[in-house]
Amino acid sequence: MVDKPAIAITMGDPCGIGPEVVVKALSDRNVYSTCRPIVIGNVIAMEAAVRSSQSSMTIVEPTDLTIAGSDSSSIDVVDIHNLNPEDITIGQISIPCGKAAMEWVTKAGEMALSGLIDGIATAPLNKEAASLAGYQSIGHMELLQELSGSKTVATMLLAKNLRVVHLTTHRSLKLACDYVKKDRILEFLDLTDQSFKKWGFLDPRIAVAALNPHGSDGGLLGNEEAEEIAPAVEQARSKGINATGPVPADIVFHQAINGQYDTVLCMYHDQGHIPVKVYGFEESITANLGLPFVRTSVDHGTAFDIAGKGVADHTSMLEAIRLAVGLSLGNGLSDF
C-alpha cells in the first residue's frame, strides 16, 4: 500500500483569512483519508482561527514529521517561532506578519526540496506586507522559483474542467503584449506539454489563445498571430506537441469547457483569469508548472475586510489541497 502523501500547507498572512480557511479545510476529515496535512505557520494564529471558526480541532506542534498529519482530530503546525503574537492585528497590514508569511513559504520549499513533504498548498499572502518587509519577489511562485533555481515557471488557473496556463501574469497589459513572442510561446508550450504528461495526460491537447480580437481578422487587427503565435504553434507541432492555434479568445475557453482541449495557453493575466473566475469563482485554484515539486494555491486574497469573523469560504483551500494530493500522485488533473 502506498503511503499517503505529506502536504505542507502554508498558513498565509495571519492578518487575513488564511488561518481560517486552513482550519475549515482541515476540519473536513476526508482530507486525512487522502494525505497527511502539515501546516507551516503560527500556533497562536491557528488557535485563534479554531476559536473563530468554532472548530473542534486541536492545534499540535509535531515532534516527528514522518508521521505528522496522521490524526484527523488535530492540526499539526510547524512553527518556526518567527512571529510575536502582539504583531498580529487582524484585518490590517503588518510588516512582521508579511515577513513571517514569506518565511513560512521558504520553509515549505526547503522541506519539499529535502523530500520531507510531497507537495505544497498555499493560503494567501499579502503582497503589500511582503513588499514592506523588504521582499523583491512578493509572490509564492517567484519566491519558490528563486529558492529552487528553476529556469522557467508558469501559473495555471483551474476551475472544474477548465485549465488555463498564463504566458504572463502580473504585468500591465501594455507590457504583457511585449512578451507575446515566438520563443517564449514555444518555451511555455514545451513546459505545459511536459507538465501535463507528468500529471497523467498521454497526449495533452493545448489550445493557444489569440492575442487580438477575432484572431486579428487576417492581420486587420494586429500582426502578433501571424508573426509570433502561429509560428510557435507550428514549431511545437513539429516537435510532437499537440498544440492548436491561435484560437480566438472569445471562443477558445468555451471549447475547452466542452472538452475540446485539455488546457489553454493564454497571453496575459485577465485573458485567463476572467473566464476561470466566471466559470467557477469559489472553487478556482492555481498550480505552478516548472517547479521541482508540487505547489498549488487558493485563488483569492487575504480579504482583510472579513478576517477574523469566521465567515470566509474555504472551498478554494480545500480544492488546492485536493489538487496537491492528486498532482503528487501523478493523476491530479486527469480526475480534477
Protein backbone atom coordinates (compact mmCIF):
# COMPACT_ATOMS: atom_id res chain seq x y z
CA MET A 1 0.00 0.00 0.00
CA VAL A 2 1.33 3.44 -0.98
CA ASP A 3 1.79 5.83 1.92
CA LYS A 4 -0.42 8.90 1.89
CA PRO A 5 1.46 11.95 0.57
CA ALA A 6 2.53 14.60 3.06
CA ILE A 7 1.22 18.01 2.01
CA ALA A 8 2.61 21.18 3.56
CA ILE A 9 0.00 23.93 3.89
CA THR A 10 1.41 27.41 4.39
CA MET A 11 -0.85 29.48 6.63
CA GLY A 12 -0.58 32.72 4.66
CA ASP A 13 -0.64 36.19 6.19
CA PRO A 14 -2.05 35.78 9.72
CA CYS A 15 -3.82 39.16 9.49
CA GLY A 16 -6.04 37.79 6.73
CA ILE A 17 -8.33 34.81 6.22
CA GLY A 18 -5.52 32.30 5.63
CA PRO A 19 -5.58 30.66 9.08
CA GLU A 20 -9.38 30.46 8.99
CA VAL A 21 -9.68 28.77 5.59
CA VAL A 22 -6.91 26.34 6.54
CA VAL A 23 -8.69 25.39 9.77
CA LYS A 24 -12.01 24.97 8.00
CA ALA A 25 -10.47 22.86 5.23
CA LEU A 26 -8.69 20.61 7.71
CA SER A 27 -11.87 20.22 9.76
CA ASP A 28 -13.07 18.10 6.85
CA ARG A 29 -11.99 14.63 7.96
CA ASN A 30 -11.96 13.43 4.35
CA VAL A 31 -8.71 15.34 3.86
CA TYR A 32 -6.93 12.96 6.23
CA SER A 33 -8.07 9.93 4.24
CA THR A 34 -6.04 11.15 1.24
CA CYS A 35 -2.97 12.83 2.73
CA ARG A 36 -1.03 13.90 5.81
CA PRO A 37 -1.56 17.68 6.05
CA ILE A 38 1.15 19.65 7.85
CA VAL A 39 0.60 23.37 8.39
CA ILE A 40 3.58 25.74 8.29
CA GLY A 41 2.68 28.82 10.29
CA ASN A 42 1.99 30.21 13.73
CA VAL A 43 0.38 28.20 16.52
CA ILE A 44 -1.25 31.21 18.21
CA ALA A 45 -2.87 32.38 14.97
CA MET A 46 -4.11 28.88 14.20
CA GLU A 47 -5.61 28.53 17.69
CA ALA A 48 -7.42 31.84 17.22
CA ALA A 49 -8.75 30.60 13.88
CA VAL A 50 -10.02 27.41 15.54
CA ARG A 51 -11.99 29.52 18.00
CA SER A 52 -13.43 31.92 15.42
CA SER A 53 -14.38 29.01 13.17
CA GLN A 54 -15.94 27.11 16.09
CA SER A 55 -13.94 24.06 15.04
CA SER A 56 -13.44 21.06 17.29
CA MET A 57 -9.85 20.58 16.05
CA THR A 58 -6.88 20.99 18.36
CA ILE A 59 -3.53 22.52 17.39
CA VAL A 60 -0.40 20.44 17.95
CA GLU A 61 3.29 21.08 17.27
CA PRO A 62 4.62 17.81 15.81
CA THR A 63 7.79 16.20 17.06
CA ASP A 64 8.13 13.72 14.19
CA LEU A 65 7.43 14.99 10.68
CA THR A 66 7.43 11.48 9.25
CA ILE A 67 4.09 10.79 10.97
CA ALA A 68 2.76 14.34 11.32
CA GLY A 69 -0.72 14.91 9.96
CA SER A 70 -1.95 11.43 10.78
CA ASP A 71 -4.51 12.33 13.46
CA SER A 72 -7.74 13.65 11.96
CA SER A 73 -8.79 15.24 15.26
CA SER A 74 -5.83 17.63 15.36
CA ILE A 75 -3.92 20.01 13.11
CA ASP A 76 -0.14 19.67 13.16
CA VAL A 77 1.55 23.08 12.87
CA VAL A 78 5.27 23.51 12.24
CA ASP A 79 6.00 26.82 13.97
CA ILE A 80 9.47 28.24 13.35
CA HIS A 81 8.78 30.85 16.05
CA ASN A 82 9.42 33.85 13.84
CA LEU A 83 6.43 35.96 14.90
CA ASN A 84 5.31 37.60 18.11
CA PRO A 85 1.55 37.34 18.76
CA GLU A 86 1.34 41.07 19.52
CA ASP A 87 2.40 41.80 15.93
CA ILE A 88 -0.78 40.20 14.59
CA THR A 89 -3.54 42.74 14.04
CA ILE A 90 -6.41 41.06 12.24
CA GLY A 91 -7.53 42.94 9.16
CA GLN A 92 -4.55 45.30 8.96
CA ILE A 93 -1.23 45.41 7.13
CA SER A 94 1.58 44.16 9.36
CA ILE A 95 5.20 44.17 8.25
CA PRO A 96 6.25 41.42 10.74
CA CYS A 97 3.35 39.28 9.52
CA GLY A 98 4.27 39.86 5.88
CA LYS A 99 7.85 38.81 6.65
CA ALA A 100 6.77 35.73 8.64
CA ALA A 101 4.39 34.58 5.91
CA MET A 102 7.17 34.66 3.33
CA GLU A 103 9.46 32.76 5.68
CA TRP A 104 6.82 30.02 6.02
CA VAL A 105 6.75 29.65 2.25
CA THR A 106 10.53 29.38 2.23
CA LYS A 107 10.36 26.73 4.96
CA ALA A 108 7.82 24.72 2.97
CA GLY A 109 10.00 24.95 -0.14
CA GLU A 110 13.02 23.73 1.80
CA MET A 111 11.00 20.81 3.15
CA ALA A 112 9.88 19.92 -0.38
CA LEU A 113 13.41 20.10 -1.77
CA SER A 114 14.66 17.86 1.03
CA GLY A 115 11.94 15.28 0.42
CA LEU A 116 10.22 15.74 3.79
CA ILE A 117 6.92 16.54 2.04
CA ASP A 118 5.35 15.61 -1.29
CA GLY A 119 3.65 18.87 -2.18
CA ILE A 120 2.67 22.35 -1.04
CA ALA A 121 -0.73 24.06 -0.89
CA THR A 122 -0.62 27.75 -0.01
CA ALA A 123 -3.03 30.15 1.67
CA PRO A 124 -2.86 33.80 0.54
CA LEU A 125 -0.01 36.21 1.12
CA ASN A 126 -0.45 39.97 1.30
CA LYS A 127 1.84 41.37 -1.38
CA GLU A 128 1.95 44.85 0.15
CA ALA A 129 3.02 43.47 3.52
CA ALA A 130 5.68 41.29 1.88
CA SER A 131 6.99 44.25 -0.10
CA LEU A 132 7.13 46.46 3.00
CA ALA A 133 9.08 43.66 4.71
CA GLY A 134 11.76 44.04 2.07
CA TYR A 135 10.98 41.21 -0.30
CA GLN A 136 11.60 41.83 -4.00
CA SER A 137 9.87 38.58 -5.01
CA ILE A 138 6.47 39.16 -3.42
CA GLY A 139 4.63 36.13 -4.81
CA HIS A 140 4.76 32.43 -3.94
CA MET A 141 5.88 31.33 -7.40
CA GLU A 142 8.68 33.86 -7.69
CA LEU A 143 10.00 33.06 -4.21
CA LEU A 144 9.92 29.30 -4.82
CA GLN A 145 11.45 29.71 -8.28
CA GLU A 146 14.39 31.57 -6.76
CA LEU A 147 14.71 29.08 -3.91
CA SER A 148 14.73 26.07 -6.25
CA GLY A 149 16.76 27.65 -9.04
CA SER A 150 14.05 26.83 -11.58
CA LYS A 151 14.57 28.39 -15.01
CA THR A 152 11.05 28.58 -16.45
CA VAL A 153 7.89 28.55 -14.35
CA ALA A 154 4.27 29.28 -15.16
CA THR A 155 0.97 29.79 -13.39
CA MET A 156 -2.04 27.66 -14.24
CA LEU A 157 -5.54 28.60 -13.11
CA LEU A 158 -8.20 25.90 -12.76
CA ALA A 159 -11.91 25.72 -12.12
CA LYS A 160 -13.73 22.44 -12.62
CA ASN A 161 -12.57 21.16 -16.05
CA LEU A 162 -11.20 24.49 -17.31
CA ARG A 163 -7.41 24.81 -17.09
CA VAL A 164 -5.58 27.93 -18.23
CA VAL A 165 -1.80 28.44 -18.37
CA HIS A 166 -0.59 32.05 -18.44
CA LEU A 167 2.17 33.36 -20.69
CA THR A 168 2.40 36.36 -18.35
CA THR A 169 0.69 37.13 -15.05
CA HIS A 170 1.38 40.31 -13.11
CA ARG A 171 2.29 42.62 -15.97
CA SER A 172 0.49 45.69 -17.27
CA LEU A 173 -1.46 44.94 -20.43
CA LYS A 174 0.87 47.15 -22.44
CA LEU A 175 3.94 45.32 -21.17
CA ALA A 176 2.30 41.89 -21.42
CA CYS A 177 1.86 42.34 -25.16
CA ASP A 178 5.63 42.69 -25.49
CA TYR A 179 6.00 39.15 -24.11
CA VAL A 180 3.95 37.61 -26.92
CA LYS A 181 6.98 36.31 -28.78
CA LYS A 182 7.56 33.07 -30.68
CA ASP A 183 10.38 31.79 -28.47
CA ARG A 184 8.52 32.45 -25.23
CA ILE A 185 5.31 30.85 -26.52
CA LEU A 186 7.26 27.79 -27.68
CA GLU A 187 9.00 27.56 -24.30
CA PHE A 188 5.67 27.63 -22.46
CA LEU A 189 4.11 25.09 -24.83
CA ASP A 190 7.00 22.74 -24.12
CA LEU A 191 6.67 23.31 -20.36
CA THR A 192 2.90 22.74 -20.48
CA ASP A 193 3.27 19.56 -22.53
CA GLN A 194 5.90 18.12 -20.18
CA SER A 195 3.95 19.04 -17.05
CA PHE A 196 0.67 17.57 -18.22
CA LYS A 197 2.36 14.33 -19.25
CA LYS A 198 3.92 14.12 -15.79
CA TRP A 199 0.44 14.64 -14.31
CA GLY A 200 -1.16 11.78 -16.23
CA PHE A 201 -2.05 13.02 -19.73
CA LEU A 202 -0.69 10.85 -22.55
CA ASP A 203 -1.15 13.45 -25.30
CA PRO A 204 -2.16 16.84 -23.85
CA ARG A 205 -4.33 18.91 -26.17
CA ILE A 206 -3.16 22.50 -25.84
CA ALA A 207 -5.04 25.42 -27.37
CA VAL A 208 -3.17 28.70 -27.81
CA ALA A 209 -5.36 31.78 -27.44
CA ALA A 210 -5.04 34.62 -29.91
CA LEU A 211 -3.97 38.00 -28.57
CA ASN A 212 -6.09 40.25 -30.77
CA PRO A 213 -9.87 40.29 -31.34
CA HIS A 214 -11.05 37.63 -33.80
CA GLY A 215 -7.51 36.27 -34.02
CA SER A 216 -6.55 39.55 -35.80
CA ASP A 217 -9.01 39.08 -38.72
CA GLY A 218 -6.27 38.20 -41.16
CA GLY A 219 -3.98 40.97 -39.97
CA LEU A 220 -6.54 43.76 -39.89
CA LEU A 221 -6.42 43.92 -36.07
CA GLY A 222 -2.77 43.16 -35.37
CA ASN A 223 0.12 41.03 -36.55
CA GLU A 224 1.09 39.00 -33.44
CA GLU A 225 -0.95 36.00 -34.55
CA ALA A 226 0.81 35.68 -37.91
CA GLU A 227 4.29 36.71 -36.81
CA GLU A 228 4.62 35.19 -33.34
CA ILE A 229 1.83 32.83 -32.25
CA ALA A 230 1.22 30.75 -35.37
CA PRO A 231 4.96 30.09 -35.99
CA ALA A 232 5.37 28.98 -32.37
CA VAL A 233 2.43 26.58 -32.67
CA GLU A 234 3.78 25.21 -35.95
CA GLN A 235 7.22 24.59 -34.45
CA ALA A 236 5.69 22.98 -31.35
CA ARG A 237 3.69 20.61 -33.55
CA SER A 238 6.88 19.67 -35.41
CA LYS A 239 8.26 18.59 -32.02
CA GLY A 240 5.27 16.33 -31.38
CA ILE A 241 3.33 18.72 -29.13
CA ASN A 242 -0.43 18.57 -29.71
CA ALA A 243 -0.93 22.33 -29.97
CA THR A 244 -3.65 24.24 -31.82
CA GLY A 245 -3.88 27.93 -32.53
CA PRO A 246 -4.07 30.79 -32.47
CA VAL A 247 -7.72 30.33 -31.50
CA PRO A 248 -9.81 33.50 -30.97
CA ALA A 249 -10.13 34.18 -27.26
CA ASP A 250 -13.88 34.69 -27.44
CA ILE A 251 -14.41 31.00 -28.32
CA VAL A 252 -11.40 29.03 -27.04
CA PHE A 253 -12.47 28.85 -23.38
CA HIS A 254 -15.95 27.65 -24.32
CA GLN A 255 -14.35 24.93 -26.44
CA ALA A 256 -12.09 23.90 -23.56
CA ILE A 257 -15.03 23.68 -21.16
CA ASN A 258 -16.78 21.44 -23.67
CA GLY A 259 -13.80 19.07 -23.69
CA GLN A 260 -12.12 20.02 -26.98
CA TYR A 261 -8.85 20.93 -25.24
CA ASP A 262 -7.12 19.87 -22.03
CA THR A 263 -5.75 23.34 -21.39
CA VAL A 264 -5.48 26.80 -22.91
CA LEU A 265 -2.28 28.84 -23.11
CA CYS A 266 -3.46 32.43 -22.76
CA MET A 267 -1.45 35.55 -23.49
CA TYR A 268 -2.00 37.72 -20.40
CA HIS A 269 -3.45 37.78 -16.89
CA ASP A 270 -7.06 38.82 -17.36
CA GLN A 271 -7.50 36.85 -20.57
CA GLY A 272 -7.20 33.70 -18.47
CA HIS A 273 -8.44 34.83 -15.08
CA ILE A 274 -11.79 36.23 -16.20
CA PRO A 275 -13.16 33.04 -17.83
CA VAL A 276 -11.96 30.83 -14.98
CA LYS A 277 -13.49 33.03 -12.29
CA VAL A 278 -16.76 33.45 -14.15
CA TYR A 279 -16.96 29.69 -14.71
CA GLY A 280 -16.14 28.67 -11.12
CA PHE A 281 -15.27 31.51 -8.77
CA GLU A 282 -15.40 29.73 -5.40
CA GLU A 283 -13.56 26.59 -6.47
CA SER A 284 -10.90 28.26 -8.64
CA ILE A 285 -7.33 27.48 -7.66
CA THR A 286 -3.82 27.75 -9.09
CA ALA A 287 -0.93 25.40 -9.71
CA ASN A 288 2.63 26.06 -10.82
CA LEU A 289 4.42 24.48 -13.74
CA GLY A 290 8.20 24.21 -13.78
CA LEU A 291 8.98 23.89 -10.07
CA PRO A 292 10.73 20.66 -8.94
CA PHE A 293 7.86 19.99 -6.53
CA VAL A 294 4.08 20.33 -6.49
CA ARG A 295 2.69 23.70 -5.46
CA THR A 296 -0.99 24.64 -5.57
CA SER A 297 -2.79 27.62 -4.08
CA VAL A 298 -6.09 29.23 -3.33
CA ASP A 299 -7.14 31.77 -5.93
CA HIS A 300 -8.17 34.56 -3.60
CA GLY A 301 -6.52 37.21 -1.48
CA THR A 302 -6.16 37.85 2.23
CA ALA A 303 -9.62 39.50 2.45
CA PHE A 304 -8.76 41.73 5.41
CA ASP A 305 -12.34 43.05 5.46
CA ILE A 306 -13.76 39.72 6.67
CA ALA A 307 -10.71 38.35 8.52
CA GLY A 308 -11.38 37.00 12.00
CA LYS A 309 -15.16 36.93 11.55
CA GLY A 310 -15.48 33.21 10.83
CA VAL A 311 -17.33 33.78 7.55
CA ALA A 312 -14.60 33.04 4.95
CA ASP A 313 -15.36 30.38 2.34
CA HIS A 314 -12.78 27.59 2.42
CA THR A 315 -13.77 25.86 -0.84
CA SER A 316 -10.69 27.08 -2.73
CA MET A 317 -8.35 25.94 0.07
CA LEU A 318 -9.96 22.51 0.13
CA GLU A 319 -9.63 22.22 -3.66
CA ALA A 320 -5.98 23.34 -3.53
CA ILE A 321 -5.17 20.59 -1.04
CA ARG A 322 -7.04 18.03 -3.12
CA LEU A 323 -5.18 19.03 -6.27
CA ALA A 324 -1.81 18.96 -4.47
CA VAL A 325 -2.56 15.39 -3.44
CA GLY A 326 -3.52 14.38 -6.97
CA LEU A 327 -0.52 16.02 -8.61
CA SER A 328 1.87 14.47 -6.10
CA LEU A 329 0.46 11.07 -7.07
CA GLY A 330 0.67 11.82 -10.79
CA ASN A 331 -3.05 11.70 -11.51
CA GLY A 332 -4.37 15.03 -10.29
CA LEU A 333 -5.51 16.75 -13.46
CA SER A 334 -6.97 13.65 -15.06
CA ASP A 335 -9.54 13.36 -12.30
CA PHE A 336 -9.94 17.05 -11.46
